[in-house]
Amino acid sequence: MVTTMRIALPVDRCSRDANIFEHFGRAPYYMLVDVKDGNTLNVSFIENLMIRHEAGDIPRMLKAHGVDVVICMGIGRRARTFFEEYGISIVAGAQGNALEAVKAFLEGKLVDKEYIPKRKWHQLYGD
């Protein structure tokens, strides 16, 4: 059986060496990783043009891009709810290099866990 999926990660730069960005909705880019039978086929990037966004905007955008799984460091409760409604799985609490996190996920070594943000993003951006 062939298994394909698209994984999205919020990242700090448009590079295969990118690190996972702390705040999901404020990430400058989203890395999209296409996987088939556990092997990475393609890596692409989407610039986050919605730094200021309404609840659900980014989950809707990633759903439109065919995302099946989101791997992130931190994510808000409302965003998590939107992803669940779209049938997109969330794995929070990941840190470090994005492609290494994908590899750990594919090997079953990455699990969803709560992440406590280092800063209060709503205080920085007023939301």
PDB file of N, CA and C in Angstrom:
ATOM      1  N   MET A   1       0.830  -1.187   0.000  1.00  0.00           N
ATOM      2  CA  MET A   1       0.000   0.000   0.000  1.00  0.00           C
ATOM      3  C   MET A   1       0.875   1.251   0.000  1.00  0.00           C
ATOM      4  N   VAL A   2       0.628   2.149  -0.920  1.00  0.00           N
ATOM      5  CA  VAL A   2       1.392   3.385  -1.035  1.00  0.00           C
ATOM      6  C   VAL A   2       0.783   4.417  -0.087  1.00  0.00           C
ATOM      7  N   THR A   3       1.646   5.016   0.742  1.00  0.00           N
ATOM      8  CA  THR A   3       1.206   6.041   1.668  1.00  0.00           C
ATOM      9  C   THR A   3       1.854   7.360   1.291  1.00  0.00           C
ATOM     10  N   THR A   4       1.020   8.356   1.000  1.00  0.00           N
ATOM     11  CA  THR A   4       1.532   9.690   0.695  1.00  0.00           C
ATOM     12  C   THR A   4       0.935  10.683   1.674  1.00  0.00           C
ATOM     13  N   MET A   5       1.702  11.723   1.971  1.00  0.00           N
ATOM     14  CA  MET A   5       1.193  12.784   2.831  1.00  0.00           C
ATOM     15  C   MET A   5       1.984  14.053   2.583  1.00  0.00           C
ATOM     16  N   ARG A   6       1.372  15.159   2.949  1.00  0.00           N
ATOM     17  CA  ARG A   6       2.049  16.453   2.900  1.00  0.00           C
ATOM     18  C   ARG A   6       2.100  16.971   4.332  1.00  0.00           C
ATOM     19  N   ILE A   7       3.311  17.305   4.751  1.00  0.00           N
ATOM     20  CA  ILE A   7       3.560  17.810   6.100  1.00  0.00           C
ATOM     21  C   ILE A   7       3.921  19.286   5.998  1.00  0.00           C
ATOM     22  N   ALA A   8       3.339  20.115   6.869  1.00  0.00           N
ATOM     23  CA  ALA A   8       3.667  21.540   6.919  1.00  0.00           C
ATOM     24  C   ALA A   8       4.331  21.859   8.253  1.00  0.00           C
ATOM     25  N   LEU A   9       5.334  22.722   8.198  1.00  0.00           N
ATOM     26  CA  LEU A   9       6.031  23.168   9.399  1.00  0.00           C
ATOM     27  C   LEU A   9       6.243  24.678   9.318  1.00  0.00           C
ATOM     28  N   PRO A  10       5.997  25.420  10.393  1.00  0.00           N
ATOM     29  CA  PRO A  10       6.333  26.840  10.410  1.00  0.00           C
ATOM     30  C   PRO A  10       7.845  26.973  10.584  1.00  0.00           C
ATOM     31  N   VAL A  11       8.491  27.729   9.712  1.00  0.00           N
ATOM     32  CA  VAL A  11       9.948  27.805   9.763  1.00  0.00           C
ATOM     33  C   VAL A  11      10.448  29.252   9.738  1.00  0.00           C
ATOM     34  N   ASP A  12      11.706  29.404  10.154  1.00  0.00           N
ATOM     35  CA  ASP A  12      12.305  30.730  10.291  1.00  0.00           C
ATOM     36  C   ASP A  12      12.873  31.296   8.994  1.00  0.00           C
ATOM     37  N   ARG A  13      13.069  30.459   7.996  1.00  0.00           N
ATOM     38  CA  ARG A  13      13.618  30.941   6.724  1.00  0.00           C
ATOM     39  C   ARG A  13      13.267  29.958   5.603  1.00  0.00           C
ATOM     40  N   CYS A  14      13.432  30.435   4.392  1.00  0.00           N
ATOM     41  CA  CYS A  14      13.110  29.652   3.207  1.00  0.00           C
ATOM     42  C   CYS A  14      14.345  28.857   2.800  1.00  0.00           C
ATOM     43  N   SER A  15      14.609  27.763   3.535  1.00  0.00           N
ATOM     44  CA  SER A  15      15.818  26.974   3.323  1.00  0.00           C
ATOM     45  C   SER A  15      15.604  25.563   3.847  1.00  0.00           C
ATOM     46  N   ARG A  16      16.237  24.598   3.218  1.00  0.00           N
ATOM     47  CA  ARG A  16      16.170  23.209   3.706  1.00  0.00           C
ATOM     48  C   ARG A  16      16.819  23.079   5.079  1.00  0.00           C
ATOM     49  N   ASP A  17      17.628  24.055   5.472  1.00  0.00           N
ATOM     50  CA  ASP A  17      18.258  24.063   6.792  1.00  0.00           C
ATOM     51  C   ASP A  17      17.439  24.842   7.821  1.00  0.00           C
ATOM     52  N   ALA A  18      16.216  25.191   7.486  1.00  0.00           N
ATOM     53  CA  ALA A  18      15.374  26.009   8.361  1.00  0.00           C
ATOM     54  C   ALA A  18      15.079  25.305   9.684  1.00  0.00           C
ATOM     55  N   ASN A  19      14.877  26.135  10.692  1.00  0.00           N
ATOM     56  CA  ASN A  19      14.456  25.652  12.003  1.00  0.00           C
ATOM     57  C   ASN A  19      12.980  25.933  12.206  1.00  0.00           C
ATOM     58  N   ILE A  20      12.359  25.140  13.050  1.00  0.00           N
ATOM     59  CA  ILE A  20      10.946  25.331  13.372  1.00  0.00           C
ATOM     60  C   ILE A  20      10.795  26.651  14.121  1.00  0.00           C
ATOM     61  N   PHE A  21       9.852  27.471  13.679  1.00  0.00           N
ATOM     62  CA  PHE A  21       9.590  28.767  14.294  1.00  0.00           C
ATOM     63  C   PHE A  21       8.710  28.571  15.519  1.00  0.00           C
ATOM     64  N   GLU A  22       8.964  29.342  16.561  1.00  0.00           N
ATOM     65  CA  GLU A  22       8.263  29.131  17.833  1.00  0.00           C
ATOM     66  C   GLU A  22       6.750  29.311  17.739  1.00  0.00           C
ATOM     67  N   HIS A  23       6.292  30.360  17.098  1.00  0.00           N
ATOM     68  CA  HIS A  23       4.857  30.657  17.060  1.00  0.00           C
ATOM     69  C   HIS A  23       4.301  30.316  15.685  1.00  0.00           C
ATOM     70  N   PHE A  24       3.387  29.381  15.634  1.00  0.00           N
ATOM     71  CA  PHE A  24       2.858  28.871  14.379  1.00  0.00           C
ATOM     72  C   PHE A  24       2.355  29.972  13.444  1.00  0.00           C
ATOM     73  N   GLY A  25       1.466  30.822  13.925  1.00  0.00           N
ATOM     74  CA  GLY A  25       0.836  31.825  13.068  1.00  0.00           C
ATOM     75  C   GLY A  25       1.722  32.988  12.681  1.00  0.00           C
ATOM     76  N   ARG A  26       2.827  33.173  13.384  1.00  0.00           N
ATOM     77  CA  ARG A  26       3.732  34.298  13.112  1.00  0.00           C
ATOM     78  C   ARG A  26       4.971  33.886  12.333  1.00  0.00           C
ATOM     79  N   ALA A  27       5.042  32.641  11.918  1.00  0.00           N
ATOM     80  CA  ALA A  27       6.212  32.159  11.178  1.00  0.00           C
ATOM     81  C   ALA A  27       6.344  32.909   9.852  1.00  0.00           C
ATOM     82  N   PRO A  28       7.556  33.251   9.456  1.00  0.00           N
ATOM     83  CA  PRO A  28       7.710  33.929   8.166  1.00  0.00           C
ATOM     84  C   PRO A  28       7.445  33.023   6.959  1.00  0.00           C
ATOM     85  N   TYR A  29       7.644  31.706   7.147  1.00  0.00           N
ATOM     86  CA  TYR A  29       7.423  30.747   6.054  1.00  0.00           C
ATOM     87  C   TYR A  29       6.821  29.458   6.607  1.00  0.00           C
ATOM     88  N   TYR A  30       6.211  28.710   5.704  1.00  0.00           N
ATOM     89  CA  TYR A  30       5.770  27.341   6.004  1.00  0.00           C
ATOM     90  C   TYR A  30       6.479  26.427   5.020  1.00  0.00           C
ATOM     91  N   MET A  31       7.151  25.428   5.560  1.00  0.00           N
ATOM     92  CA  MET A  31       7.810  24.422   4.742  1.00  0.00           C
ATOM     93  C   MET A  31       6.793  23.325   4.468  1.00  0.00           C
ATOM     94  N   LEU A  32       6.661  22.922   3.213  1.00  0.00           N
ATOM     95  CA  LEU A  32       5.801  21.809   2.838  1.00  0.00           C
ATOM     96  C   LEU A  32       6.688  20.649   2.414  1.00  0.00           C
ATOM     97  N   VAL A  33       6.481  19.509   3.048  1.00  0.00           N
ATOM     98  CA  VAL A  33       7.293  18.329   2.760  1.00  0.00           C
ATOM     99  C   VAL A  33       6.365  17.235   2.247  1.00  0.00           C
ATOM    100  N   ASP A  34       6.575  16.814   1.012  1.00  0.00           N
ATOM    101  CA  ASP A  34       5.798  15.728   0.430  1.00  0.00           C
ATOM    102  C   ASP A  34       6.520  14.416   0.700  1.00  0.00           C
ATOM    103  N   VAL A  35       5.776  13.468   1.260  1.00  0.00           N
ATOM    104  CA  VAL A  35       6.348  12.182   1.665  1.00  0.00           C
ATOM    105  C   VAL A  35       5.563  11.059   0.996  1.00  0.00           C
ATOM    106  N   LYS A  36       6.303  10.066   0.506  1.00  0.00           N
ATOM    107  CA  LYS A  36       5.677   8.878  -0.063  1.00  0.00           C
ATOM    108  C   LYS A  36       6.394   7.664   0.515  1.00  0.00           C
ATOM    109  N   ASP A  37       5.627   6.789   1.139  1.00  0.00           N
ATOM    110  CA  ASP A  37       6.173   5.572   1.751  1.00  0.00           C
ATOM    111  C   ASP A  37       7.370   5.865   2.662  1.00  0.00           C
ATOM    112  N   GLY A  38       7.271   6.938   3.425  1.00  0.00           N
ATOM    113  CA  GLY A  38       8.315   7.269   4.389  1.00  0.00           C
ATOM    114  C   GLY A  38       9.517   7.990   3.819  1.00  0.00           C
ATOM    115  N   ASN A  39       9.496   8.303   2.535  1.00  0.00           N
ATOM    116  CA  ASN A  39      10.621   8.988   1.890  1.00  0.00           C
ATOM    117  C   ASN A  39      10.213  10.389   1.457  1.00  0.00           C
ATOM    118  N   THR A  40      11.059  11.365   1.732  1.00  0.00           N
ATOM    119  CA  THR A  40      10.804  12.738   1.327  1.00  0.00           C
ATOM    120  C   THR A  40      10.984  12.869  -0.182  1.00  0.00           C
ATOM    121  N   LEU A  41       9.937  13.328  -0.849  1.00  0.00           N
ATOM    122  CA  LEU A  41       9.982  13.495  -2.301  1.00  0.00           C
ATOM    123  C   LEU A  41      10.274  14.927  -2.720  1.00  0.00           C
ATOM    124  N   ASN A  42       9.703  15.877  -1.976  1.00  0.00           N
ATOM    125  CA  ASN A  42       9.791  17.269  -2.382  1.00  0.00           C
ATOM    126  C   ASN A  42       9.696  18.166  -1.157  1.00  0.00           C
ATOM    127  N   VAL A  43      10.446  19.261  -1.188  1.00  0.00           N
ATOM    128  CA  VAL A  43      10.368  20.290  -0.149  1.00  0.00           C
ATOM    129  C   VAL A  43      10.118  21.616  -0.852  1.00  0.00           C
ATOM    130  N   SER A  44       9.072  22.323  -0.417  1.00  0.00           N
ATOM    131  CA  SER A  44       8.769  23.638  -0.978  1.00  0.00           C
ATOM    132  C   SER A  44       8.386  24.575   0.166  1.00  0.00           C
ATOM    133  N   PHE A  45       8.206  25.853  -0.155  1.00  0.00           N
ATOM    134  CA  PHE A  45       7.937  26.851   0.870  1.00  0.00           C
ATOM    135  C   PHE A  45       6.816  27.780   0.450  1.00  0.00           C
ATOM    136  N   ILE A  46       6.072  28.228   1.452  1.00  0.00           N
ATOM    137  CA  ILE A  46       5.036  29.237   1.257  1.00  0.00           C
ATOM    138  C   ILE A  46       5.398  30.405   2.172  1.00  0.00           C
ATOM    139  N   GLU A  47       5.479  31.603   1.630  1.00  0.00           N
ATOM    140  CA  GLU A  47       5.707  32.779   2.476  1.00  0.00           C
ATOM    141  C   GLU A  47       4.420  33.090   3.227  1.00  0.00           C
ATOM    142  N   ASN A  48       4.540  33.385   4.502  1.00  0.00           N
ATOM    143  CA  ASN A  48       3.370  33.716   5.310  1.00  0.00           C
ATOM    144  C   ASN A  48       3.021  35.185   5.087  1.00  0.00           C
ATOM    145  N   LEU A  49       2.031  35.419   4.244  1.00  0.00           N
ATOM    146  CA  LEU A  49       1.566  36.773   3.973  1.00  0.00           C
ATOM    147  C   LEU A  49       0.462  37.182   4.944  1.00  0.00           C
ATOM    148  N   MET A  50       0.186  36.307   5.913  1.00  0.00           N
ATOM    149  CA  MET A  50      -0.900  36.557   6.866  1.00  0.00           C
ATOM    150  C   MET A  50      -0.374  36.668   8.293  1.00  0.00           C
ATOM    151  N   ILE A  51       0.721  37.414   8.501  1.00  0.00           N
ATOM    152  CA  ILE A  51       1.235  37.591   9.858  1.00  0.00           C
ATOM    153  C   ILE A  51       0.106  38.142  10.738  1.00  0.00           C
ATOM    154  N   ARG A  52      -0.637  39.077  10.232  1.00  0.00           N
ATOM    155  CA  ARG A  52      -1.862  39.539  10.904  1.00  0.00           C
ATOM    156  C   ARG A  52      -3.009  38.797  10.234  1.00  0.00           C
ATOM    157  N   HIS A  53      -3.661  37.929  10.972  1.00  0.00           N
ATOM    158  CA  HIS A  53      -4.682  37.069  10.370  1.00  0.00           C
ATOM    159  C   HIS A  53      -5.846  36.861  11.332  1.00  0.00           C
ATOM    160  N   GLU A  54      -6.934  36.438  10.776  1.00  0.00           N
ATOM    161  CA  GLU A  54      -8.108  36.065  11.552  1.00  0.00           C
ATOM    162  C   GLU A  54      -7.998  34.594  11.918  1.00  0.00           C
ATOM    163  N   ALA A  55      -8.677  34.212  12.973  1.00  0.00           N
ATOM    164  CA  ALA A  55      -8.686  32.801  13.386  1.00  0.00           C
ATOM    165  C   ALA A  55      -9.147  31.934  12.219  1.00  0.00           C
ATOM    166  N   GLY A  56      -8.393  30.907  11.928  1.00  0.00           N
ATOM    167  CA  GLY A  56      -8.753  29.967  10.870  1.00  0.00           C
ATOM    168  C   GLY A  56      -8.154  30.250   9.510  1.00  0.00           C
ATOM    169  N   ASP A  57      -7.602  31.452   9.301  1.00  0.00           N
ATOM    170  CA  ASP A  57      -7.054  31.793   7.982  1.00  0.00           C
ATOM    171  C   ASP A  57      -5.910  30.857   7.569  1.00  0.00           C
ATOM    172  N   ILE A  58      -4.956  30.652   8.447  1.00  0.00           N
ATOM    173  CA  ILE A  58      -3.794  29.834   8.094  1.00  0.00           C
ATOM    174  C   ILE A  58      -4.172  28.355   7.996  1.00  0.00           C
ATOM    175  N   PRO A  59      -4.957  27.807   8.919  1.00  0.00           N
ATOM    176  CA  PRO A  59      -5.393  26.425   8.712  1.00  0.00           C
ATOM    177  C   PRO A  59      -6.130  26.224   7.378  1.00  0.00           C
ATOM    178  N   ARG A  60      -6.967  27.192   7.002  1.00  0.00           N
ATOM    179  CA  ARG A  60      -7.692  27.110   5.726  1.00  0.00           C
ATOM    180  C   ARG A  60      -6.717  27.128   4.550  1.00  0.00           C
ATOM    181  N   MET A  61      -5.718  28.008   4.617  1.00  0.00           N
ATOM    182  CA  MET A  61      -4.727  28.113   3.551  1.00  0.00           C
ATOM    183  C   MET A  61      -3.933  26.813   3.415  1.00  0.00           C
ATOM    184  N   LEU A  62      -3.516  26.243   4.546  1.00  0.00           N
ATOM    185  CA  LEU A  62      -2.744  24.999   4.486  1.00  0.00           C
ATOM    186  C   LEU A  62      -3.610  23.830   4.022  1.00  0.00           C
ATOM    187  N   LYS A  63      -4.881  23.827   4.385  1.00  0.00           N
ATOM    188  CA  LYS A  63      -5.805  22.804   3.884  1.00  0.00           C
ATOM    189  C   LYS A  63      -5.902  22.902   2.362  1.00  0.00           C
ATOM    190  N   ALA A  64      -5.970  24.132   1.844  1.00  0.00           N
ATOM    191  CA  ALA A  64      -6.048  24.336   0.395  1.00  0.00           C
ATOM    192  C   ALA A  64      -4.784  23.847  -0.310  1.00  0.00           C
ATOM    193  N   HIS A  65      -3.670  23.802   0.423  1.00  0.00           N
ATOM    194  CA  HIS A  65      -2.412  23.298  -0.133  1.00  0.00           C
ATOM    195  C   HIS A  65      -2.255  21.795   0.077  1.00  0.00           C
ATOM    196  N   GLY A  66      -3.296  21.133   0.565  1.00  0.00           N
ATOM    197  CA  GLY A  66      -3.279  19.679   0.678  1.00  0.00           C
ATOM    198  C   GLY A  66      -2.511  19.121   1.853  1.00  0.00           C
ATOM    199  N   VAL A  67      -2.356  19.908   2.907  1.00  0.00           N
ATOM    200  CA  VAL A  67      -1.596  19.464   4.082  1.00  0.00           C
ATOM    201  C   VAL A  67      -2.384  18.417   4.868  1.00  0.00           C
ATOM    202  N   ASP A  68      -1.685  17.365   5.289  1.00  0.00           N
ATOM    203  CA  ASP A  68      -2.268  16.288   6.101  1.00  0.00           C
ATOM    204  C   ASP A  68      -1.829  16.353   7.558  1.00  0.00           C
ATOM    205  N   VAL A  69      -0.604  16.848   7.791  1.00  0.00           N
ATOM    206  CA  VAL A  69      -0.008  16.866   9.126  1.00  0.00           C
ATOM    207  C   VAL A  69       0.712  18.193   9.313  1.00  0.00           C
ATOM    208  N   VAL A  70       0.601  18.776  10.504  1.00  0.00           N
ATOM    209  CA  VAL A  70       1.369  19.959  10.875  1.00  0.00           C
ATOM    210  C   VAL A  70       2.283  19.573  12.029  1.00  0.00           C
ATOM    211  N   ILE A  71       3.568  19.855  11.858  1.00  0.00           N
ATOM    212  CA  ILE A  71       4.546  19.686  12.922  1.00  0.00           C
ATOM    213  C   ILE A  71       4.983  21.084  13.327  1.00  0.00           C
ATOM    214  N   CYS A  72       4.876  21.393  14.618  1.00  0.00           N
ATOM    215  CA  CYS A  72       5.187  22.746  15.069  1.00  0.00           C
ATOM    216  C   CYS A  72       5.732  22.731  16.490  1.00  0.00           C
ATOM    217  N   MET A  73       6.187  23.900  16.920  1.00  0.00           N
ATOM    218  CA  MET A  73       6.646  24.059  18.283  1.00  0.00           C
ATOM    219  C   MET A  73       5.462  24.434  19.161  1.00  0.00           C
ATOM    220  N   GLY A  74       4.858  25.565  18.861  1.00  0.00           N
ATOM    221  CA  GLY A  74       3.708  26.024  19.618  1.00  0.00           C
ATOM    222  C   GLY A  74       2.555  26.361  18.700  1.00  0.00           C
ATOM    223  N   ILE A  75       1.341  26.132  19.179  1.00  0.00           N
ATOM    224  CA  ILE A  75       0.142  26.429  18.385  1.00  0.00           C
ATOM    225  C   ILE A  75      -1.000  26.744  19.340  1.00  0.00           C
ATOM    226  N   GLY A  76      -1.794  27.718  18.964  1.00  0.00           N
ATOM    227  CA  GLY A  76      -2.907  28.122  19.811  1.00  0.00           C
ATOM    228  C   GLY A  76      -4.055  27.124  19.794  1.00  0.00           C
ATOM    229  N   ARG A  77      -4.865  27.206  20.813  1.00  0.00           N
ATOM    230  CA  ARG A  77      -6.016  26.311  20.972  1.00  0.00           C
ATOM    231  C   ARG A  77      -7.000  26.437  19.806  1.00  0.00           C
ATOM    232  N   ARG A  78      -7.280  27.679  19.379  1.00  0.00           N
ATOM    233  CA  ARG A  78      -8.232  27.868  18.275  1.00  0.00           C
ATOM    234  C   ARG A  78      -7.690  27.311  16.964  1.00  0.00           C
ATOM    235  N   ALA A  79      -6.402  27.535  16.686  1.00  0.00           N
ATOM    236  CA  ALA A  79      -5.810  26.995  15.455  1.00  0.00           C
ATOM    237  C   ALA A  79      -5.870  25.475  15.473  1.00  0.00           C
ATOM    238  N   ARG A  80      -5.572  24.885  16.617  1.00  0.00           N
ATOM    239  CA  ARG A  80      -5.634  23.424  16.745  1.00  0.00           C
ATOM    240  C   ARG A  80      -7.050  22.927  16.423  1.00  0.00           C
ATOM    241  N   THR A  81      -8.041  23.630  16.904  1.00  0.00           N
ATOM    242  CA  THR A  81      -9.440  23.248  16.651  1.00  0.00           C
ATOM    243  C   THR A  81      -9.760  23.303  15.157  1.00  0.00           C
ATOM    244  N   PHE A  82      -9.316  24.361  14.483  1.00  0.00           N
ATOM    245  CA  PHE A  82      -9.549  24.465  13.042  1.00  0.00           C
ATOM    246  C   PHE A  82      -8.889  23.308  12.298  1.00  0.00           C
ATOM    247  N   PHE A  83      -7.639  23.005  12.639  1.00  0.00           N
ATOM    248  CA  PHE A  83      -6.949  21.895  11.970  1.00  0.00           C
ATOM    249  C   PHE A  83      -7.683  20.581  12.191  1.00  0.00           C
ATOM    250  N   GLU A  84      -8.147  20.348  13.396  1.00  0.00           N
ATOM    251  CA  GLU A  84      -8.888  19.116  13.686  1.00  0.00           C
ATOM    252  C   GLU A  84     -10.153  19.041  12.849  1.00  0.00           C
ATOM    253  N   GLU A  85     -10.858  20.177  12.692  1.00  0.00           N
ATOM    254  CA  GLU A  85     -12.067  20.206  11.864  1.00  0.00           C
ATOM    255  C   GLU A  85     -11.757  19.867  10.402  1.00  0.00           C
ATOM    256  N   TYR A  86     -10.565  20.238   9.942  1.00  0.00           N
ATOM    257  CA  TYR A  86     -10.148  19.947   8.564  1.00  0.00           C
ATOM    258  C   TYR A  86      -9.530  18.562   8.417  1.00  0.00           C
ATOM    259  N   GLY A  87      -9.422  17.817   9.507  1.00  0.00           N
ATOM    260  CA  GLY A  87      -8.835  16.479   9.442  1.00  0.00           C
ATOM    261  C   GLY A  87      -7.321  16.488   9.337  1.00  0.00           C
ATOM    262  N   ILE A  88      -6.704  17.582   9.745  1.00  0.00           N
ATOM    263  CA  ILE A  88      -5.247  17.713   9.709  1.00  0.00           C
ATOM    264  C   ILE A  88      -4.705  17.413  11.101  1.00  0.00           C
ATOM    265  N   SER A  89      -3.771  16.480  11.181  1.00  0.00           N
ATOM    266  CA  SER A  89      -3.165  16.095  12.454  1.00  0.00           C
ATOM    267  C   SER A  89      -2.137  17.124  12.893  1.00  0.00           C
ATOM    268  N   ILE A  90      -2.005  17.309  14.205  1.00  0.00           N
ATOM    269  CA  ILE A  90      -1.047  18.250  14.783  1.00  0.00           C
ATOM    270  C   ILE A  90      -0.058  17.488  15.653  1.00  0.00           C
ATOM    271  N   VAL A  91       1.216  17.827  15.506  1.00  0.00           N
ATOM    272  CA  VAL A  91       2.255  17.337  16.410  1.00  0.00           C
ATOM    273  C   VAL A  91       2.979  18.585  16.909  1.00  0.00           C
ATOM    274  N   ALA A  92       2.674  19.009  18.130  1.00  0.00           N
ATOM    275  CA  ALA A  92       3.266  20.209  18.719  1.00  0.00           C
ATOM    276  C   ALA A  92       4.409  19.827  19.646  1.00  0.00           C
ATOM    277  N   GLY A  93       5.205  20.826  19.987  1.00  0.00           N
ATOM    278  CA  GLY A  93       6.325  20.630  20.891  1.00  0.00           C
ATOM    279  C   GLY A  93       7.627  20.298  20.196  1.00  0.00           C
ATOM    280  N   ALA A  94       7.625  20.287  18.854  1.00  0.00           N
ATOM    281  CA  ALA A  94       8.848  19.981  18.092  1.00  0.00           C
ATOM    282  C   ALA A  94       9.757  21.206  18.082  1.00  0.00           C
ATOM    283  N   GLN A  95      11.054  20.966  18.082  1.00  0.00           N
ATOM    284  CA  GLN A  95      12.026  22.056  18.062  1.00  0.00           C
ATOM    285  C   GLN A  95      13.202  21.693  17.172  1.00  0.00           C
ATOM    286  N   GLY A  96      13.971  22.717  16.784  1.00  0.00           N
ATOM    287  CA  GLY A  96      15.187  22.478  16.015  1.00  0.00           C
ATOM    288  C   GLY A  96      14.954  22.440  14.519  1.00  0.00           C
ATOM    289  N   ASN A  97      15.817  21.713  13.835  1.00  0.00           N
ATOM    290  CA  ASN A  97      15.791  21.619  12.380  1.00  0.00           C
ATOM    291  C   ASN A  97      14.497  20.966  11.893  1.00  0.00           C
ATOM    292  N   ALA A  98      13.845  21.623  10.935  1.00  0.00           N
ATOM    293  CA  ALA A  98      12.543  21.153  10.450  1.00  0.00           C
ATOM    294  C   ALA A  98      12.617  19.782   9.794  1.00  0.00           C
ATOM    295  N   LEU A  99      13.592  19.566   8.921  1.00  0.00           N
ATOM    296  CA  LEU A  99      13.669  18.271   8.234  1.00  0.00           C
ATOM    297  C   LEU A  99      14.048  17.141   9.188  1.00  0.00           C
ATOM    298  N   GLU A 100      14.813  17.443  10.225  1.00  0.00           N
ATOM    299  CA  GLU A 100      15.102  16.430  11.241  1.00  0.00           C
ATOM    300  C   GLU A 100      13.831  16.077  12.012  1.00  0.00           C
ATOM    301  N   ALA A 101      12.967  17.064  12.245  1.00  0.00           N
ATOM    302  CA  ALA A 101      11.688  16.804  12.914  1.00  0.00           C
ATOM    303  C   ALA A 101      10.804  15.919  12.047  1.00  0.00           C
ATOM    304  N   VAL A 102      10.806  16.154  10.732  1.00  0.00           N
ATOM    305  CA  VAL A 102      10.029  15.304   9.820  1.00  0.00           C
ATOM    306  C   VAL A 102      10.548  13.870   9.891  1.00  0.00           C
ATOM    307  N   LYS A 103      11.859  13.715   9.859  1.00  0.00           N
ATOM    308  CA  LYS A 103      12.451  12.380   9.936  1.00  0.00           C
ATOM    309  C   LYS A 103      12.043  11.684  11.242  1.00  0.00           C
ATOM    310  N   ALA A 104      12.112  12.399  12.361  1.00  0.00           N
ATOM    311  CA  ALA A 104      11.714  11.824  13.655  1.00  0.00           C
ATOM    312  C   ALA A 104      10.235  11.445  13.648  1.00  0.00           C
ATOM    313  N   PHE A 105       9.401  12.263  13.027  1.00  0.00           N
ATOM    314  CA  PHE A 105       7.972  11.958  12.916  1.00  0.00           C
ATOM    315  C   PHE A 105       7.764  10.678  12.114  1.00  0.00           C
ATOM    316  N   LEU A 106       8.431  10.582  10.983  1.00  0.00           N
ATOM    317  CA  LEU A 106       8.269   9.407  10.126  1.00  0.00           C
ATOM    318  C   LEU A 106       8.771   8.129  10.798  1.00  0.00           C
ATOM    319  N   GLU A 107       9.738   8.270  11.695  1.00  0.00           N
ATOM    320  CA  GLU A 107      10.269   7.120  12.438  1.00  0.00           C
ATOM    321  C   GLU A 107       9.461   6.821  13.698  1.00  0.00           C
ATOM    322  N   GLY A 108       8.391   7.604  13.939  1.00  0.00           N
ATOM    323  CA  GLY A 108       7.558   7.391  15.120  1.00  0.00           C
ATOM    324  C   GLY A 108       8.185   7.883  16.411  1.00  0.00           C
ATOM    325  N   LYS A 109       9.187   8.740  16.319  1.00  0.00           N
ATOM    326  CA  LYS A 109       9.895   9.227  17.495  1.00  0.00           C
ATOM    327  C   LYS A 109       9.422  10.592  17.972  1.00  0.00           C
ATOM    328  N   LEU A 110       8.522  11.213  17.235  1.00  0.00           N
ATOM    329  CA  LEU A 110       8.030  12.546  17.572  1.00  0.00           C
ATOM    330  C   LEU A 110       6.577  12.427  17.996  1.00  0.00           C
ATOM    331  N   VAL A 111       6.267  12.896  19.186  1.00  0.00           N
ATOM    332  CA  VAL A 111       4.895  12.819  19.695  1.00  0.00           C
ATOM    333  C   VAL A 111       4.388  14.216  20.042  1.00  0.00           C
ATOM    334  N   ASP A 112       3.089  14.380  19.963  1.00  0.00           N
ATOM    335  CA  ASP A 112       2.439  15.638  20.296  1.00  0.00           C
ATOM    336  C   ASP A 112       2.571  15.902  21.789  1.00  0.00           C
ATOM    337  N   LYS A 113       3.081  17.080  22.132  1.00  0.00           N
ATOM    338  CA  LYS A 113       3.185  17.450  23.542  1.00  0.00           C
ATOM    339  C   LYS A 113       2.977  18.953  23.678  1.00  0.00           C
ATOM    340  N   GLU A 114       2.553  19.357  24.846  1.00  0.00           N
ATOM    341  CA  GLU A 114       2.298  20.771  25.086  1.00  0.00           C
ATOM    342  C   GLU A 114       3.610  21.543  25.067  1.00  0.00           C
ATOM    343  N   TYR A 115       3.535  22.750  24.535  1.00  0.00           N
ATOM    344  CA  TYR A 115       4.694  23.624  24.501  1.00  0.00           C
ATOM    345  C   TYR A 115       4.317  24.940  25.173  1.00  0.00           C
ATOM    346  N   ILE A 116       5.130  25.384  26.107  1.00  0.00           N
ATOM    347  CA  ILE A 116       4.909  26.662  26.781  1.00  0.00           C
ATOM    348  C   ILE A 116       5.776  27.704  26.072  1.00  0.00           C
ATOM    349  N   PRO A 117       5.140  28.738  25.479  1.00  0.00           N
ATOM    350  CA  PRO A 117       5.907  29.735  24.720  1.00  0.00           C
ATOM    351  C   PRO A 117       6.903  30.494  25.597  1.00  0.00           C
ATOM    352  N   LYS A 118       8.005  30.886  24.975  1.00  0.00           N
ATOM    353  CA  LYS A 118       9.032  31.649  25.674  1.00  0.00           C
ATOM    354  C   LYS A 118       8.615  33.097  25.867  1.00  0.00           C
ATOM    355  N   ARG A 119       7.770  33.609  24.971  1.00  0.00           N
ATOM    356  CA  ARG A 119       7.288  34.978  25.106  1.00  0.00           C
ATOM    357  C   ARG A 119       5.788  35.014  24.891  1.00  0.00           C
ATOM    358  N   LYS A 120       5.216  36.101  25.317  1.00  0.00           N
ATOM    359  CA  LYS A 120       3.771  36.289  25.174  1.00  0.00           C
ATOM    360  C   LYS A 120       3.503  36.963  23.831  1.00  0.00           C
ATOM    361  N   TRP A 121       3.235  36.143  22.809  1.00  0.00           N
ATOM    362  CA  TRP A 121       3.058  36.662  21.453  1.00  0.00           C
ATOM    363  C   TRP A 121       1.884  37.611  21.350  1.00  0.00           C
ATOM    364  N   HIS A 122       0.818  37.366  22.105  1.00  0.00           N
ATOM    365  CA  HIS A 122      -0.343  38.257  22.022  1.00  0.00           C
ATOM    366  C   HIS A 122       0.004  39.654  22.543  1.00  0.00           C
ATOM    367  N   GLN A 123       0.967  39.762  23.443  1.00  0.00           N
ATOM    368  CA  GLN A 123       1.384  41.068  23.937  1.00  0.00           C
ATOM    369  C   GLN A 123       2.206  41.813  22.873  1.00  0.00           C
ATOM    370  N   LEU A 124       2.985  41.066  22.089  1.00  0.00           N
ATOM    371  CA  LEU A 124       3.790  41.679  21.041  1.00  0.00           C
ATOM    372  C   LEU A 124       2.939  42.160  19.879  1.00  0.00           C
ATOM    373  N   TYR A 125       1.873  41.421  19.555  1.00  0.00           N
ATOM    374  CA  TYR A 125       1.088  41.715  18.355  1.00  0.00           C
ATOM    375  C   TYR A 125      -0.327  42.199  18.667  1.00  0.00           C
ATOM    376  N   GLY A 126      -0.696  42.266  19.927  1.00  0.00           N
ATOM    377  CA  GLY A 126      -1.990  42.815  20.286  1.00  0.00           C
ATOM    378  C   GLY A 126      -3.170  41.922  19.992  1.00  0.00           C
ATOM    379  N   ASP A 127      -2.971  40.599  19.922  1.00  0.00           N
ATOM    380  CA  ASP A 127      -4.119  39.709  19.704  1.00  0.00           C
ATOM    381  C   ASP A 127      -4.098  38.584  20.712  1.00  0.00           C
TER     382      ASP A 127
END
